Amino acid sequence: MGQDRVILIDTTVSGAKPGTVMRFDPTDGELPKNVFRHSSHQFGVAEAIEMARVLGRLPEHIVVYGIEGKSFDLGAGLSDGVEDGVLATVEAIKQDIIDWV
């Protein structure tokens, strides 16, 4: 059973300042693969979105937020700036939900 509205959040590694928030609408086109490249499964967000597109399972409304990370060490907490990015993303998601209702 699929969902028609999806919000996905992941870390990004683009060289931007840690905590930078990026917002993508995959219905407009492919996600940049070089931004969502950290995955412990060798199948990241960009690949999963494209697989859904190929299979005709991409939700009608989907937003992907990327928050630029800094440290990806096991057990590392939020780096300086990243917490601010998380809080900004929460506010943006609230607005997405309001816009969808």
C-alpha atoms as a PDB file:
ATOM      1  CA  MET A   1       0.000   0.000   0.000  1.00  0.00           C
ATOM      2  CA  GLY A   2       1.549   3.294  -1.107  1.00  0.00           C
ATOM      3  CA  GLN A   3       1.280   6.793   0.238  1.00  0.00           C
ATOM      4  CA  ASP A   4       0.385   9.822  -1.855  1.00  0.00           C
ATOM      5  CA  ARG A   5       2.263  12.337   0.350  1.00  0.00           C
ATOM      6  CA  VAL A   6       5.802  11.689   1.554  1.00  0.00           C
ATOM      7  CA  ILE A   7       8.435  13.801   3.282  1.00  0.00           C
ATOM      8  CA  LEU A   8      11.908  12.288   3.420  1.00  0.00           C
ATOM      9  CA  ILE A   9      14.887  13.670   5.345  1.00  0.00           C
ATOM     10  CA  ASP A  10      18.512  12.631   4.939  1.00  0.00           C
ATOM     11  CA  THR A  11      21.994  14.007   5.388  1.00  0.00           C
ATOM     12  CA  THR A  12      23.863  15.506   2.487  1.00  0.00           C
ATOM     13  CA  VAL A  13      27.525  15.829   1.623  1.00  0.00           C
ATOM     14  CA  SER A  14      27.884  18.570  -0.952  1.00  0.00           C
ATOM     15  CA  GLY A  15      30.623  20.766   0.456  1.00  0.00           C
ATOM     16  CA  ALA A  16      28.110  23.292   1.780  1.00  0.00           C
ATOM     17  CA  LYS A  17      28.354  24.680   5.305  1.00  0.00           C
ATOM     18  CA  PRO A  18      27.231  22.093   7.914  1.00  0.00           C
ATOM     19  CA  GLY A  19      23.566  22.596   8.711  1.00  0.00           C
ATOM     20  CA  THR A  20      22.689  23.924   5.258  1.00  0.00           C
ATOM     21  CA  VAL A  21      19.201  22.747   4.328  1.00  0.00           C
ATOM     22  CA  MET A  22      18.338  21.758   0.772  1.00  0.00           C
ATOM     23  CA  ARG A  23      14.821  21.025  -0.430  1.00  0.00           C
ATOM     24  CA  PHE A  24      14.083  18.926  -3.496  1.00  0.00           C
ATOM     25  CA  ASP A  25      10.872  17.974  -5.279  1.00  0.00           C
ATOM     26  CA  PRO A  26      11.603  14.676  -7.072  1.00  0.00           C
ATOM     27  CA  THR A  27       8.504  15.116  -9.242  1.00  0.00           C
ATOM     28  CA  ASP A  28      10.477  17.906 -10.963  1.00  0.00           C
ATOM     29  CA  GLY A  29      13.332  15.560 -11.917  1.00  0.00           C
ATOM     30  CA  GLU A  30      16.147  13.436 -10.567  1.00  0.00           C
ATOM     31  CA  LEU A  31      17.837  14.169  -7.264  1.00  0.00           C
ATOM     32  CA  PRO A  32      21.517  15.074  -7.510  1.00  0.00           C
ATOM     33  CA  LYS A  33      23.325  11.794  -6.823  1.00  0.00           C
ATOM     34  CA  ASN A  34      26.491  13.546  -5.678  1.00  0.00           C
ATOM     35  CA  VAL A  35      24.632  15.178  -2.756  1.00  0.00           C
ATOM     36  CA  PHE A  36      22.938  12.100  -1.241  1.00  0.00           C
ATOM     37  CA  ARG A  37      25.885   9.737  -1.290  1.00  0.00           C
ATOM     38  CA  HIS A  38      26.197   8.409   2.256  1.00  0.00           C
ATOM     39  CA  SER A  39      24.488   5.094   2.759  1.00  0.00           C
ATOM     40  CA  SER A  40      25.312   2.029   4.765  1.00  0.00           C
ATOM     41  CA  HIS A  41      23.363  -0.038   2.246  1.00  0.00           C
ATOM     42  CA  GLN A  42      24.988   1.048  -1.040  1.00  0.00           C
ATOM     43  CA  PHE A  43      21.525   2.152  -2.146  1.00  0.00           C
ATOM     44  CA  GLY A  44      20.898   5.752  -1.182  1.00  0.00           C
ATOM     45  CA  VAL A  45      18.016   8.178  -1.306  1.00  0.00           C
ATOM     46  CA  ALA A  46      18.597   9.236  -4.928  1.00  0.00           C
ATOM     47  CA  GLU A  47      18.649   5.609  -6.091  1.00  0.00           C
ATOM     48  CA  ALA A  48      15.528   4.734  -4.098  1.00  0.00           C
ATOM     49  CA  ILE A  49      13.642   7.715  -5.565  1.00  0.00           C
ATOM     50  CA  GLU A  50      14.668   6.785  -9.104  1.00  0.00           C
ATOM     51  CA  MET A  51      13.677   3.143  -8.531  1.00  0.00           C
ATOM     52  CA  ALA A  52      10.235   4.317  -7.385  1.00  0.00           C
ATOM     53  CA  ARG A  53       9.995   6.513 -10.485  1.00  0.00           C
ATOM     54  CA  VAL A  54      10.913   3.628 -12.824  1.00  0.00           C
ATOM     55  CA  LEU A  55       8.407   1.338 -11.111  1.00  0.00           C
ATOM     56  CA  GLY A  56       5.659   3.966 -11.293  1.00  0.00           C
ATOM     57  CA  ARG A  57       5.509   4.156  -7.481  1.00  0.00           C
ATOM     58  CA  LEU A  58       6.714   7.712  -6.915  1.00  0.00           C
ATOM     59  CA  PRO A  59       4.201   9.420  -4.614  1.00  0.00           C
ATOM     60  CA  GLU A  60       2.115  12.214  -6.104  1.00  0.00           C
ATOM     61  CA  HIS A  61       3.503  14.642  -3.507  1.00  0.00           C
ATOM     62  CA  ILE A  62       7.047  14.042  -2.305  1.00  0.00           C
ATOM     63  CA  VAL A  63       9.583  16.389  -0.784  1.00  0.00           C
ATOM     64  CA  VAL A  64      13.145  15.454   0.094  1.00  0.00           C
ATOM     65  CA  TYR A  65      15.087  17.525   2.591  1.00  0.00           C
ATOM     66  CA  GLY A  66      18.837  17.248   2.840  1.00  0.00           C
ATOM     67  CA  ILE A  67      20.712  18.619   5.815  1.00  0.00           C
ATOM     68  CA  GLU A  68      24.431  19.068   5.229  1.00  0.00           C
ATOM     69  CA  GLY A  69      26.374  16.975   7.707  1.00  0.00           C
ATOM     70  CA  LYS A  70      29.849  17.389   9.107  1.00  0.00           C
ATOM     71  CA  SER A  71      30.865  14.327  11.108  1.00  0.00           C
ATOM     72  CA  PHE A  72      29.652  10.863  10.199  1.00  0.00           C
ATOM     73  CA  ASP A  73      31.631   8.992  12.837  1.00  0.00           C
ATOM     74  CA  LEU A  74      29.765   6.198  14.590  1.00  0.00           C
ATOM     75  CA  GLY A  75      28.062   7.608  17.679  1.00  0.00           C
ATOM     76  CA  ALA A  76      28.846  11.225  16.814  1.00  0.00           C
ATOM     77  CA  GLY A  77      26.281  13.772  17.955  1.00  0.00           C
ATOM     78  CA  LEU A  78      25.044  16.717  15.939  1.00  0.00           C
ATOM     79  CA  SER A  79      27.865  18.963  14.740  1.00  0.00           C
ATOM     80  CA  ASP A  80      27.828  22.737  15.145  1.00  0.00           C
ATOM     81  CA  GLY A  81      25.302  24.195  12.750  1.00  0.00           C
ATOM     82  CA  VAL A  82      23.589  20.891  12.031  1.00  0.00           C
ATOM     83  CA  GLU A  83      21.168  21.271  14.947  1.00  0.00           C
ATOM     84  CA  ASP A  84      20.111  24.636  13.488  1.00  0.00           C
ATOM     85  CA  GLY A  85      19.562  22.908  10.147  1.00  0.00           C
ATOM     86  CA  VAL A  86      17.372  20.289  11.810  1.00  0.00           C
ATOM     87  CA  LEU A  87      15.258  22.972  13.501  1.00  0.00           C
ATOM     88  CA  ALA A  88      14.905  24.884  10.203  1.00  0.00           C
ATOM     89  CA  THR A  89      13.845  21.666   8.480  1.00  0.00           C
ATOM     90  CA  VAL A  90      11.159  21.035  11.100  1.00  0.00           C
ATOM     91  CA  GLU A  91       9.717  24.498  10.423  1.00  0.00           C
ATOM     92  CA  ALA A  92       9.820  23.925   6.662  1.00  0.00           C
ATOM     93  CA  ILE A  93       8.060  20.583   7.062  1.00  0.00           C
ATOM     94  CA  LYS A  94       5.335  22.220   9.143  1.00  0.00           C
ATOM     95  CA  GLN A  95       4.769  24.612   6.243  1.00  0.00           C
ATOM     96  CA  ASP A  96       4.687  21.730   3.730  1.00  0.00           C
ATOM     97  CA  ILE A  97       1.991  20.032   5.785  1.00  0.00           C
ATOM     98  CA  ILE A  98      -0.034  23.228   5.997  1.00  0.00           C
ATOM     99  CA  ASP A  99       0.280  23.703   2.232  1.00  0.00           C
ATOM    100  CA  TRP A 100      -0.852  20.112   1.580  1.00  0.00           C
ATOM    101  CA  VAL A 101      -3.953  20.391   3.793  1.00  0.00           C
END
